[in-house]
Amino acid sequence: MGIGALTNSNQFNKSMYIDYKGKIYKFTSNLSLNIRRSNNLRLVREINKRSSGRFNFLTNRIVSTWNNLSNGCVSASSVNNFKACIDKEYKLKVIFSKNATNEELQALVKTATKTNGLNVILKDSNENYIQLSSSINSNSFSNPYKLEFIENPPLNIRNSSELKAKEDNKTQEMFAQVVKEFSKAIKFEDSKKELMDRISSLEHRIDVESLKALEVEKCRKEVKDLKEMFQNASVTNKEDKTKKLILENIPTYPKYQLSQQTIEYLKTPTFNIWHWEANEMLSLLEHMYHELGLVKEFNMNPITLKRWLLCIQANYRNNPFHNFRHCFCVAQMMYGMIHLCNLQSCMSKTDLATLLTAAICHDLDHPGYNNAYQINARTELAIMYNDISPLENHHCAVAFQILSNPSCNIFFNAPEEKYKDIRTSMVKLILATDMAKHKEILEELKRYVSNFDFKNKDHMEALKMILIKCCDISNEVRPMEISEPWLDCLLEEYFMQSDREKKESLPVAPFMDRDKVTKPGSQVGFIKFVLIPMFEAVAKIFPVVQETMVTTLHQSYNRYNELIEAEKEKDQK
């Protein structure tokens, strides 16, 4: 059997060809908008597939089921006139209305083929079952559908109620799947709400006035970054997220004309780093490289130096403490110690470049959570570096990712061997800032101080490691009005970490717990057992450090001790 469907117009025919026992039957649906009762059903003999003669006659086979069909489907104006048998050599065509139901079409086909007691099924050329209906696709005379009659039709061509039941079952299954996925989404939304509550808490605790005034927009951006960290359940990503600058549109910062007073003030340990905006800090760092003769020594392109400094700034996160201002603070103290101790007279330009550059890069991309957290939380950094100084290794990696870009490599014109020396020394210095190595590094220097030799490589390596450590934790060397805001920033970062550690059931260090630590209590032990012994060791090599820095440390220690005693007296009352 074959069925052909045409486009929907005001009047068109839909034809189906049936191959039954070698005879081709053609059924055509007359879809005229004004169908008359007399022409709803016509049987036509077709002599060949190209031309056909139409005669208004019906056979006895069709008359037997005529009255069972709906009035909207079939009608005959002259049934009695056409009872002659159909010539078996002719092909037959039945014209039927679009209003005919599937059951009525089944009846027509069964009547025409004398198979009234069986179910009609159709197959295409690929032996696939086709359901008999007015919506069946068109075919051709040469490629008709095959007609078969069976007692129980296959599942895919059962009556409409069975098909509808199958569709309903499928719909039910799809709906169940949607409900399942929606449940997952609900759980995700609950986690998201918990995350948003945490982020909201962080936003409220960004209350350091100096940071609000200078970097509030960056703080908001960092909160957004923290959202991503919580969602990924990790503090850092293993992907290379080093921020790149678009070389075609290089951002810039104003070229400040520094006064002689500022130039001299920059060389002192008492320099107030809170008085300078980000662009001014970039200009001051740029000045250090020029003033120390490093630009000339390494044939640095001034534009490359600017671009490198901007890239460094972009790769410091906006943490309360470990941020770009801390980077500038450490670099300025290194610059101050170079001048205070007259290191130009005992160190090479390569040593000076290594010290200053390592100080600038020493905390690149710091996430605001220390090594203890990285290891306990099993972050990607801890896994990547096997729990060995994960942060410091990461700072080194980011520093040299930036330098790997020729447009940001300030040592691009340096000889290959000199660049290797700089890299080796920078890695050693940045790794030395891990406080877990503090005792080991300090003990090594103490072995050399009694007969320190500036020409001895081991002595000089130990000295450079101590120098960067001194600069990294030198806040208490500065006047109180400069150092105390830094302590507030550090405690804020500590408290953020301890809050998260409590939430994640990780170990919490007492000196980071907001419920246990006090401001003066956090400093007396650190100054007495860490800062004073380290700066005193340096003072044995450079006596000027004793008066300028060690004396200030003792004053800070005494001040915090007095605050502790005052708190004790207040509690006793």
Protein backbone atom coordinates (compact mmCIF):
# COMPACT_ATOMS: atom_id res chain seq x y z
CA MET A 1 0.00 0.00 0.00
CA GLY A 2 1.19 3.54 -0.63
CA ILE A 3 0.09 6.93 0.63
CA GLY A 4 1.14 10.29 -0.80
CA ALA A 5 0.60 13.60 1.04
CA LEU A 6 0.79 17.03 -0.59
CA THR A 7 0.86 20.55 0.85
CA ASN A 8 -2.08 22.14 2.64
CA SER A 9 -3.93 24.37 0.18
CA ASN A 10 -7.56 25.19 -0.51
CA GLN A 11 -7.94 21.98 -2.51
CA PHE A 12 -5.50 19.09 -2.80
CA ASN A 13 -5.37 15.32 -2.89
CA LYS A 14 -3.58 12.93 -0.57
CA SER A 15 -2.97 9.58 -2.26
CA MET A 16 -1.95 6.22 -0.88
CA TYR A 17 -0.94 3.21 -2.94
CA ILE A 18 -1.58 -0.30 -1.63
CA ASP A 19 0.15 -3.40 -2.96
CA TYR A 20 -1.94 -6.41 -2.07
CA LYS A 21 -1.26 -9.74 -3.74
CA GLY A 22 0.18 -8.05 -6.80
CA LYS A 23 -2.64 -5.52 -7.24
CA ILE A 24 -2.05 -1.79 -6.70
CA TYR A 25 -4.88 0.09 -4.97
CA LYS A 26 -4.78 3.88 -4.94
CA PHE A 27 -6.70 5.82 -2.26
CA THR A 28 -7.00 9.60 -2.63
CA SER A 29 -8.25 12.10 -0.05
CA ASN A 30 -10.15 15.00 -1.60
CA LEU A 31 -9.55 17.85 0.84
CA SER A 32 -11.73 20.44 -0.88
CA LEU A 33 -13.06 23.06 1.51
CA ASN A 34 -16.56 22.46 0.11
CA ILE A 35 -16.92 18.69 0.12
CA ARG A 36 -20.26 17.48 -1.17
CA ARG A 37 -21.85 14.28 0.07
CA SER A 38 -21.91 12.89 -3.42
CA ASN A 39 -18.17 12.98 -3.94
CA ASN A 40 -16.78 12.04 -0.52
CA LEU A 41 -16.02 8.54 -1.74
CA ARG A 42 -15.36 7.51 -5.29
CA LEU A 43 -13.78 4.39 -6.71
CA VAL A 44 -11.80 5.00 -9.87
CA ARG A 45 -10.03 2.55 -12.13
CA GLU A 46 -6.57 3.58 -13.21
CA ILE A 47 -5.33 1.98 -16.43
CA ASN A 48 -1.68 2.91 -15.83
CA LYS A 49 0.32 5.06 -13.48
CA ARG A 50 0.49 8.00 -15.90
CA SER A 51 -3.16 8.28 -17.01
CA SER A 52 -6.38 7.22 -15.38
CA GLY A 53 -10.04 7.24 -16.23
CA ARG A 54 -12.41 8.24 -13.48
CA PHE A 55 -15.89 6.66 -13.34
CA ASN A 56 -18.45 7.25 -10.59
CA PHE A 57 -19.10 3.63 -9.66
CA LEU A 58 -18.77 1.48 -6.55
CA THR A 59 -18.39 -2.26 -6.27
CA ASN A 60 -20.35 -4.71 -4.21
CA ARG A 61 -17.35 -5.01 -1.91
CA ILE A 62 -17.60 -1.37 -0.84
CA VAL A 63 -21.40 -1.27 -0.62
CA SER A 64 -21.32 -3.88 2.16
CA THR A 65 -19.60 -1.47 4.56
CA TRP A 66 -21.06 1.74 3.18
CA ASN A 67 -23.60 2.33 5.93
CA ASN A 68 -21.04 1.76 8.71
CA LEU A 69 -19.01 4.80 7.64
CA SER A 70 -19.79 8.28 8.97
CA ASN A 71 -21.77 10.67 6.82
CA GLY A 72 -18.83 13.05 6.80
CA CYS A 73 -16.67 10.39 5.26
CA VAL A 74 -18.57 8.61 2.45
CA SER A 75 -21.66 9.00 0.36
CA ALA A 76 -22.98 7.71 -2.97
CA SER A 77 -25.33 9.38 -5.37
CA SER A 78 -25.74 6.35 -7.61
CA VAL A 79 -24.73 3.21 -5.72
CA ASN A 80 -27.06 0.94 -7.61
CA ASN A 81 -25.64 2.04 -10.96
CA PHE A 82 -22.18 0.63 -10.26
CA LYS A 83 -22.29 -2.97 -9.17
CA ALA A 84 -20.20 -4.42 -11.90
CA CYS A 85 -17.13 -6.35 -10.87
CA ILE A 86 -13.86 -4.54 -11.11
CA ASP A 87 -11.63 -5.64 -13.91
CA LYS A 88 -8.63 -7.21 -12.18
CA GLU A 89 -6.33 -5.77 -14.80
CA TYR A 90 -7.20 -2.23 -13.72
CA LYS A 91 -5.68 -0.42 -10.80
CA LEU A 92 -8.20 0.93 -8.30
CA LYS A 93 -8.45 4.38 -6.73
CA VAL A 94 -10.69 5.32 -3.80
CA ILE A 95 -11.20 9.03 -3.12
CA PHE A 96 -11.92 9.72 0.57
CA SER A 97 -12.47 12.75 2.78
CA LYS A 98 -9.94 14.18 5.26
CA ASN A 99 -12.64 13.61 7.90
CA ALA A 100 -12.25 9.85 7.63
CA THR A 101 -11.07 8.20 10.85
CA ASN A 102 -8.37 5.53 11.11
CA GLU A 103 -11.05 2.86 11.69
CA GLU A 104 -12.98 4.00 8.60
CA LEU A 105 -9.88 3.82 6.43
CA GLN A 106 -9.24 0.31 7.77
CA ALA A 107 -12.79 -0.62 6.73
CA LEU A 108 -12.36 0.78 3.22
CA VAL A 109 -9.15 -1.12 2.64
CA LYS A 110 -10.54 -4.37 4.03
CA THR A 111 -13.69 -4.00 1.93
CA ALA A 112 -11.77 -3.32 -1.26
CA THR A 113 -9.53 -6.37 -0.67
CA LYS A 114 -12.20 -8.77 0.69
CA THR A 115 -10.43 -9.21 4.05
CA ASN A 116 -13.05 -7.90 6.44
CA GLY A 117 -12.19 -10.19 9.34
CA LEU A 118 -8.56 -9.26 9.86
CA ASN A 119 -6.55 -6.23 11.01
CA VAL A 120 -4.84 -4.18 8.33
CA ILE A 121 -1.13 -3.35 8.67
CA LEU A 122 1.24 -1.60 6.29
CA LYS A 123 4.98 -1.96 5.72
CA ASP A 124 7.37 0.32 3.86
CA SER A 125 10.19 -0.82 1.61
CA ASN A 126 12.42 -1.31 4.70
CA GLU A 127 9.86 -3.63 6.33
CA ASN A 128 9.01 -0.98 8.94
CA TYR A 129 5.42 -0.92 10.19
CA ILE A 130 3.32 2.12 9.19
CA GLN A 131 0.08 3.13 10.91
CA LEU A 132 -2.87 3.58 8.52
CA SER A 133 -4.22 7.12 8.99
CA SER A 134 -5.10 10.24 7.02
CA SER A 135 -1.75 11.77 8.11
CA ILE A 136 0.43 9.06 6.58
CA ASN A 137 3.35 10.22 4.41
CA SER A 138 3.16 10.16 0.60
CA ASN A 139 4.78 7.49 -1.53
CA SER A 140 4.63 6.57 -5.24
CA PHE A 141 3.09 4.06 -7.57
CA SER A 142 6.46 2.41 -8.08
CA ASN A 143 7.16 2.22 -4.34
CA PRO A 144 3.85 1.29 -2.65
CA TYR A 145 3.29 0.27 0.92
CA LYS A 146 2.79 -3.48 1.38
CA LEU A 147 -0.52 -4.59 2.83
CA GLU A 148 -0.80 -7.45 5.34
CA PHE A 149 -3.61 -8.70 7.53
CA ILE A 150 -3.05 -10.23 10.97
CA GLU A 151 -5.14 -10.94 14.04
CA ASN A 152 -3.02 -8.86 16.48
CA PRO A 153 -1.19 -5.85 15.03
CA PRO A 154 2.33 -4.98 16.27
CA LEU A 155 2.64 -2.65 19.22
CA ASN A 156 3.71 0.30 17.13
CA ILE A 157 0.48 0.24 15.06
CA ARG A 158 -2.09 -0.72 17.72
CA ASN A 159 -5.25 1.34 18.15
CA SER A 160 -5.03 4.94 19.23
CA SER A 161 -5.90 4.24 22.86
CA GLU A 162 -2.92 1.91 23.20
CA LEU A 163 -0.64 4.46 21.54
CA LYS A 164 -1.95 7.16 23.79
CA ALA A 165 -1.31 4.97 26.84
CA LYS A 166 2.27 4.42 25.68
CA GLU A 167 2.74 8.13 25.16
CA ASP A 168 1.27 8.83 28.58
CA ASN A 169 3.68 6.34 30.16
CA LYS A 170 6.61 7.94 28.37
CA THR A 171 5.43 11.37 29.50
CA GLN A 172 5.21 10.08 33.08
CA GLU A 173 8.79 8.78 32.88
CA MET A 174 10.04 12.08 31.47
CA PHE A 175 8.20 13.99 34.19
CA ALA A 176 9.75 11.78 36.89
CA GLN A 177 13.19 12.51 35.44
CA VAL A 178 12.45 16.24 35.46
CA VAL A 179 11.35 16.01 39.11
CA LYS A 180 14.58 14.18 39.95
CA GLU A 181 16.72 16.83 38.27
CA PHE A 182 14.70 19.58 39.91
CA SER A 183 15.36 17.99 43.32
CA LYS A 184 19.08 18.14 42.60
CA ALA A 185 18.71 21.79 41.68
CA ILE A 186 16.89 22.46 44.97
CA LYS A 187 19.81 20.93 46.91
CA PHE A 188 22.25 23.07 44.94
CA GLU A 189 20.20 26.17 45.75
CA ASP A 190 20.39 25.29 49.47
CA SER A 191 24.18 25.07 49.24
CA LYS A 192 24.24 28.28 47.27
CA LYS A 193 22.22 30.04 49.99
CA GLU A 194 24.69 28.86 52.62
CA LEU A 195 27.53 30.14 50.46
CA MET A 196 25.83 33.51 49.98
CA ASP A 197 25.33 33.83 53.74
CA ARG A 198 29.05 33.25 54.22
CA ILE A 199 29.95 35.80 51.55
CA SER A 200 27.60 38.31 53.13
CA SER A 201 29.41 37.81 56.43
CA LEU A 202 32.75 38.44 54.74
CA GLU A 203 31.47 41.63 53.16
CA HIS A 204 30.45 42.98 56.55
CA ARG A 205 33.87 42.29 58.02
CA ILE A 206 35.77 44.33 55.44
CA ASP A 207 35.96 47.19 57.89
CA VAL A 208 39.56 48.36 57.83
CA GLU A 209 39.12 52.04 57.12
CA SER A 210 42.39 52.53 55.29
CA LEU A 211 41.61 49.69 52.87
CA LYS A 212 38.10 50.99 52.39
CA ALA A 213 39.42 54.40 51.44
CA LEU A 214 42.09 53.15 49.04
CA GLU A 215 40.94 49.80 47.63
CA VAL A 216 37.23 49.29 48.30
CA GLU A 217 36.42 48.40 44.69
CA LYS A 218 39.13 45.77 44.62
CA CYS A 219 37.83 44.37 47.90
CA ARG A 220 34.43 43.86 46.31
CA LYS A 221 36.03 42.08 43.41
CA GLU A 222 37.94 39.86 45.84
CA VAL A 223 34.69 38.89 47.54
CA LYS A 224 33.48 37.76 44.13
CA ASP A 225 36.67 35.70 43.76
CA LEU A 226 36.01 34.14 47.16
CA LYS A 227 32.59 33.01 45.90
CA GLU A 228 34.28 31.08 43.13
CA MET A 229 36.75 29.57 45.60
CA PHE A 230 33.93 28.31 47.82
CA GLN A 231 32.04 26.89 44.85
CA ASN A 232 35.12 24.98 43.71
CA ALA A 233 35.83 23.81 47.29
CA SER A 234 39.39 24.89 46.81
CA VAL A 235 41.38 28.01 47.54
CA THR A 236 43.29 27.96 44.30
CA ASN A 237 43.05 26.49 40.83
CA LYS A 238 45.67 24.45 39.12
CA GLU A 239 45.08 26.32 35.88
CA ASP A 240 47.42 29.13 34.94
CA LYS A 241 45.44 32.16 36.05
CA THR A 242 48.29 34.66 35.76
CA LYS A 243 46.69 37.88 34.66
CA LYS A 244 47.97 39.07 31.30
CA LEU A 245 48.03 42.62 30.01
CA ILE A 246 46.83 43.50 26.52
CA LEU A 247 50.00 44.65 24.84
CA GLU A 248 48.18 46.76 22.25
CA ASN A 249 46.58 48.85 24.98
CA ILE A 250 49.07 49.04 27.82
CA PRO A 251 47.63 50.70 30.94
CA THR A 252 49.85 53.34 32.40
CA TYR A 253 50.28 55.39 35.54
CA PRO A 254 51.32 59.01 35.87
CA LYS A 255 54.99 59.85 35.95
CA TYR A 256 55.41 61.57 39.29
CA GLN A 257 58.12 64.11 39.85
CA LEU A 258 59.56 63.03 43.19
CA SER A 259 60.88 65.72 45.48
CA GLN A 260 64.33 65.34 46.97
CA GLN A 261 62.71 65.01 50.38
CA THR A 262 60.60 62.05 49.18
CA ILE A 263 63.63 60.45 47.53
CA GLU A 264 65.58 60.55 50.80
CA TYR A 265 62.56 59.56 52.91
CA LEU A 266 62.06 56.48 50.69
CA LYS A 267 65.44 55.16 51.85
CA THR A 268 64.47 55.02 55.54
CA PRO A 269 62.77 52.26 57.60
CA THR A 270 60.34 54.86 58.99
CA PHE A 271 58.77 55.53 55.56
CA ASN A 272 54.97 55.75 55.94
CA ILE A 273 53.55 53.40 53.34
CA TRP A 274 49.93 54.37 54.15
CA HIS A 275 50.30 57.83 52.55
CA TRP A 276 50.61 56.58 48.97
CA GLU A 277 48.08 55.59 46.32
CA ALA A 278 48.57 52.56 44.07
CA ASN A 279 49.89 54.60 41.12
CA GLU A 280 52.31 56.41 43.40
CA MET A 281 53.60 53.12 44.79
CA LEU A 282 54.24 51.92 41.22
CA SER A 283 56.23 55.09 40.50
CA LEU A 284 58.25 54.68 43.71
CA LEU A 285 59.11 51.06 42.82
CA GLU A 286 60.13 52.19 39.35
CA HIS A 287 62.36 54.85 40.93
CA MET A 288 64.13 52.20 43.06
CA TYR A 289 65.25 50.28 39.95
CA HIS A 290 66.55 53.45 38.33
CA GLU A 291 68.23 54.81 41.46
CA LEU A 292 70.06 51.54 42.22
CA GLY A 293 71.40 51.46 38.64
CA LEU A 294 69.57 48.22 37.82
CA VAL A 295 67.87 49.57 34.69
CA LYS A 296 71.25 50.47 33.24
CA GLU A 297 73.02 47.34 34.49
CA PHE A 298 70.53 44.94 32.89
CA ASN A 299 69.67 47.15 29.92
CA MET A 300 66.01 47.17 30.96
CA ASN A 301 63.49 48.69 28.59
CA PRO A 302 61.67 51.38 30.66
CA ILE A 303 58.35 50.42 29.05
CA THR A 304 58.96 46.77 29.96
CA LEU A 305 59.68 47.82 33.56
CA LYS A 306 56.37 49.70 33.71
CA ARG A 307 54.49 46.80 32.15
CA TRP A 308 56.09 44.31 34.55
CA LEU A 309 55.16 46.41 37.60
CA LEU A 310 51.57 46.71 36.38
CA CYS A 311 51.40 42.95 35.87
CA ILE A 312 52.80 42.39 39.37
CA GLN A 313 50.14 44.67 40.82
CA ALA A 314 47.39 42.85 38.89
CA ASN A 315 48.51 39.48 40.31
CA TYR A 316 48.25 40.50 43.97
CA ARG A 317 44.86 39.69 45.42
CA ASN A 318 42.91 42.13 47.53
CA ASN A 319 43.36 40.34 50.86
CA PRO A 320 43.24 42.37 54.09
CA PHE A 321 47.00 41.80 54.61
CA HIS A 322 48.67 39.93 51.76
CA ASN A 323 47.98 42.51 49.06
CA PHE A 324 49.91 44.87 46.77
CA ARG A 325 50.48 47.38 49.60
CA HIS A 326 52.20 44.63 51.59
CA CYS A 327 54.33 43.93 48.50
CA PHE A 328 55.33 47.61 48.38
CA CYS A 329 55.95 47.65 52.14
CA VAL A 330 58.40 44.72 51.95
CA ALA A 331 60.13 46.11 48.84
CA GLN A 332 60.50 49.55 50.47
CA MET A 333 62.03 48.01 53.60
CA MET A 334 64.47 46.07 51.41
CA TYR A 335 65.35 49.29 49.58
CA GLY A 336 65.76 51.01 52.96
CA MET A 337 68.08 48.28 54.29
CA ILE A 338 70.17 48.40 51.10
CA HIS A 339 70.87 52.06 51.85
CA LEU A 340 70.96 51.75 55.66
CA CYS A 341 73.52 48.93 55.56
CA ASN A 342 75.29 50.25 52.43
CA LEU A 343 74.84 46.91 50.69
CA GLN A 344 76.00 48.47 47.39
CA SER A 345 79.54 48.32 48.75
CA CYS A 346 79.48 44.59 49.54
CA MET A 347 77.03 43.16 47.02
CA SER A 348 76.89 43.03 43.24
CA LYS A 349 74.19 44.63 41.12
CA THR A 350 72.88 41.10 40.50
CA ASP A 351 72.51 40.57 44.26
CA LEU A 352 70.68 43.89 44.65
CA ALA A 353 68.37 43.13 41.71
CA THR A 354 67.63 39.69 43.15
CA LEU A 355 66.86 41.06 46.63
CA LEU A 356 64.55 43.83 45.40
CA THR A 357 62.76 41.70 42.78
CA ALA A 358 62.26 38.80 45.21
CA ALA A 359 60.81 41.23 47.76
CA ILE A 360 58.32 42.50 45.16
CA CYS A 361 57.32 38.98 44.04
CA HIS A 362 57.44 37.15 47.38
CA ASP A 363 53.63 36.92 47.94
CA LEU A 364 52.26 36.94 44.38
CA ASP A 365 48.70 35.57 44.12
CA HIS A 366 48.50 34.87 47.87
CA PRO A 367 44.99 33.45 48.50
CA GLY A 368 44.73 34.80 52.06
CA TYR A 369 45.05 31.36 53.71
CA ASN A 370 48.39 30.14 55.04
CA ASN A 371 50.29 26.91 54.42
CA ALA A 372 48.69 25.17 57.40
CA TYR A 373 45.29 25.63 55.84
CA GLN A 374 46.51 24.56 52.40
CA ILE A 375 47.88 21.31 53.81
CA ASN A 376 45.00 20.53 56.18
CA ALA A 377 42.36 21.31 53.54
CA ARG A 378 44.33 19.37 50.90
CA THR A 379 44.04 22.16 48.38
CA GLU A 380 45.36 21.90 44.84
CA LEU A 381 48.46 23.87 45.82
CA ALA A 382 49.25 21.46 48.64
CA ILE A 383 48.75 18.50 46.34
CA MET A 384 50.79 20.09 43.55
CA TYR A 385 53.77 20.83 45.80
CA ASN A 386 53.49 17.76 48.06
CA ASP A 387 52.81 19.85 51.21
CA ILE A 388 56.26 21.48 50.88
CA SER A 389 55.90 25.28 51.17
CA PRO A 390 52.89 25.28 48.81
CA LEU A 391 52.34 29.04 48.97
CA GLU A 392 55.97 30.04 48.52
CA ASN A 393 56.37 27.62 45.62
CA HIS A 394 53.25 29.12 44.06
CA HIS A 395 54.58 32.68 44.50
CA CYS A 396 57.76 31.65 42.66
CA ALA A 397 55.81 29.98 39.88
CA VAL A 398 53.63 33.04 39.27
CA ALA A 399 56.68 35.34 39.33
CA PHE A 400 58.40 33.39 36.58
CA GLN A 401 55.20 32.90 34.60
CA ILE A 402 55.12 36.68 34.34
CA LEU A 403 58.81 36.88 33.45
CA SER A 404 58.33 34.17 30.83
CA ASN A 405 56.46 36.74 28.74
CA PRO A 406 59.15 38.71 26.86
CA SER A 407 57.05 41.86 27.02
CA CYS A 408 57.11 41.65 30.85
CA ASN A 409 60.63 40.27 31.34
CA ILE A 410 62.79 43.00 32.89
CA PHE A 411 65.80 40.68 32.58
CA PHE A 412 65.17 39.93 28.90
CA ASN A 413 68.46 41.56 27.83
CA ALA A 414 70.55 39.92 30.57
CA PRO A 415 73.04 37.21 29.52
CA GLU A 416 71.67 33.69 29.81
CA GLU A 417 74.00 32.67 32.65
CA LYS A 418 73.19 35.79 34.66
CA TYR A 419 69.46 35.18 34.22
CA LYS A 420 69.91 31.62 35.53
CA ASP A 421 71.74 32.98 38.60
CA ILE A 422 68.95 35.50 39.21
CA ARG A 423 66.28 32.81 38.94
CA THR A 424 68.11 30.40 41.26
CA SER A 425 68.66 33.10 43.86
CA MET A 426 65.10 34.46 43.65
CA VAL A 427 63.61 31.00 44.17
CA LYS A 428 65.82 30.45 47.21
CA LEU A 429 64.90 33.83 48.71
CA ILE A 430 61.14 33.51 48.20
CA LEU A 431 61.12 29.97 49.63
CA ALA A 432 63.01 31.33 52.65
CA THR A 433 59.95 33.43 53.61
CA ASP A 434 58.16 30.24 54.74
CA MET A 435 58.13 30.67 58.53
CA ALA A 436 58.39 26.90 58.93
CA LYS A 437 62.06 27.33 57.92
CA HIS A 438 62.71 30.26 60.25
CA LYS A 439 64.70 28.48 62.92
CA GLU A 440 66.85 26.60 60.41
CA ILE A 441 67.77 29.75 58.45
CA LEU A 442 68.46 31.85 61.55
CA GLU A 443 70.69 29.16 63.09
CA GLU A 444 72.69 29.00 59.86
CA LEU A 445 73.38 32.75 59.92
CA LYS A 446 74.28 32.68 63.62
CA ARG A 447 77.06 30.21 62.83
CA TYR A 448 78.64 32.80 60.48
CA VAL A 449 78.19 36.12 62.28
CA SER A 450 81.27 35.92 64.51
CA ASN A 451 83.58 35.76 61.47
CA PHE A 452 81.30 36.83 58.65
CA ASP A 453 83.02 36.92 55.26
CA PHE A 454 81.37 38.96 52.47
CA LYS A 455 83.36 36.99 49.91
CA ASN A 456 82.10 33.64 51.16
CA LYS A 457 79.20 32.43 49.01
CA ASP A 458 77.52 30.44 51.81
CA HIS A 459 77.75 33.41 54.18
CA MET A 460 76.21 35.74 51.60
CA GLU A 461 73.38 33.34 50.74
CA ALA A 462 72.48 33.04 54.44
CA LEU A 463 72.59 36.84 54.80
CA LYS A 464 70.31 37.43 51.80
CA MET A 465 67.77 34.92 53.11
CA ILE A 466 67.72 36.65 56.50
CA LEU A 467 67.40 40.07 54.85
CA ILE A 468 64.24 39.15 52.93
CA LYS A 469 62.81 37.52 56.06
CA CYS A 470 63.48 40.70 58.05
CA CYS A 471 61.73 42.80 55.42
CA ASP A 472 58.77 40.42 55.16
CA ILE A 473 57.88 40.70 58.88
CA SER A 474 59.29 44.15 59.59
CA ASN A 475 56.10 46.04 60.44
CA GLU A 476 56.97 46.39 64.13
CA VAL A 477 60.27 48.03 63.13
CA ARG A 478 58.28 51.01 61.88
CA PRO A 479 56.67 53.68 64.10
CA MET A 480 53.50 52.63 65.95
CA GLU A 481 51.16 54.74 63.77
CA ILE A 482 52.41 52.74 60.75
CA SER A 483 52.69 49.28 62.30
CA GLU A 484 49.41 49.11 64.22
CA PRO A 485 47.08 49.29 61.15
CA TRP A 486 49.07 46.40 59.69
CA LEU A 487 48.33 44.35 62.81
CA ASP A 488 44.61 45.03 62.36
CA CYS A 489 44.83 43.85 58.75
CA LEU A 490 46.76 40.71 59.70
CA LEU A 491 44.31 39.74 62.45
CA GLU A 492 41.39 40.27 60.07
CA GLU A 493 42.96 37.82 57.62
CA TYR A 494 43.73 35.37 60.42
CA PHE A 495 40.14 35.51 61.66
CA MET A 496 38.78 34.86 58.16
CA GLN A 497 40.92 31.72 58.00
CA SER A 498 40.04 30.45 61.48
CA ASP A 499 36.33 30.98 60.81
CA ARG A 500 36.61 28.86 57.70
CA GLU A 501 38.69 26.22 59.48
CA LYS A 502 35.99 25.90 62.14
CA LYS A 503 33.31 25.56 59.48
CA GLU A 504 35.32 22.86 57.69
CA SER A 505 36.31 21.08 60.96
CA LEU A 506 40.01 21.74 60.39
CA PRO A 507 42.63 22.46 63.09
CA VAL A 508 42.65 26.09 64.26
CA ALA A 509 45.83 27.80 65.49
CA PRO A 510 45.19 29.65 68.80
CA PHE A 511 46.91 32.82 67.56
CA MET A 512 44.37 32.99 64.69
CA ASP A 513 41.20 32.31 66.71
CA ARG A 514 39.10 35.46 67.21
CA ASP A 515 37.70 33.93 70.42
CA LYS A 516 41.13 33.50 72.01
CA VAL A 517 43.61 36.02 70.66
CA THR A 518 44.07 39.64 71.77
CA LYS A 519 45.87 42.36 69.91
CA PRO A 520 48.78 42.85 72.36
CA GLY A 521 48.86 39.15 73.20
CA SER A 522 49.42 38.28 69.55
CA GLN A 523 52.56 40.41 69.38
CA VAL A 524 54.59 40.05 72.57
CA GLY A 525 55.70 36.49 71.89
CA PHE A 526 56.29 37.16 68.19
CA ILE A 527 58.47 40.20 68.90
CA LYS A 528 60.40 38.54 71.73
CA PHE A 529 61.10 35.13 70.18
CA VAL A 530 61.10 35.83 66.43
CA LEU A 531 61.82 39.47 65.55
CA ILE A 532 64.36 40.56 68.17
CA PRO A 533 66.69 37.49 67.80
CA MET A 534 66.65 37.79 64.00
CA PHE A 535 67.35 41.54 63.84
CA GLU A 536 70.01 41.22 66.53
CA ALA A 537 71.81 38.64 64.35
CA VAL A 538 71.80 41.11 61.44
CA ALA A 539 72.97 43.88 63.81
CA LYS A 540 76.13 41.87 64.54
CA ILE A 541 77.03 42.19 60.86
CA PHE A 542 75.63 45.72 60.39
CA PRO A 543 75.76 47.54 63.78
CA VAL A 544 73.58 50.40 62.47
CA VAL A 545 70.61 48.00 62.61
CA GLN A 546 70.85 47.84 66.40
CA GLU A 547 70.01 51.48 66.97
CA THR A 548 67.63 51.93 64.06
CA MET A 549 65.60 48.73 64.28
CA VAL A 550 66.33 46.60 67.34
CA THR A 551 65.71 49.54 69.67
CA THR A 552 62.32 50.13 68.04
CA LEU A 553 61.45 46.45 68.48
CA HIS A 554 62.18 46.63 72.22
CA GLN A 555 59.96 49.70 72.47
CA SER A 556 57.13 47.88 70.72
CA TYR A 557 57.57 44.88 72.99
CA ASN A 558 57.41 47.05 76.12
CA ARG A 559 54.31 48.89 74.84
CA TYR A 560 52.39 45.65 74.20
CA ASN A 561 53.48 44.27 77.57
CA GLU A 562 52.07 47.36 79.26
CA LEU A 563 48.77 46.87 77.43
CA ILE A 564 48.61 43.26 78.62
CA GLU A 565 49.23 44.33 82.23
CA ALA A 566 46.57 47.01 81.91
CA GLU A 567 44.08 44.41 80.69
CA LYS A 568 44.92 42.13 83.62
CA GLU A 569 44.36 44.94 86.11
CA LYS A 570 41.06 45.80 84.44
CA ASP A 571 39.90 42.18 84.67
CA GLN A 572 40.84 41.99 88.36
CA LYS A 573 38.68 45.02 89.12
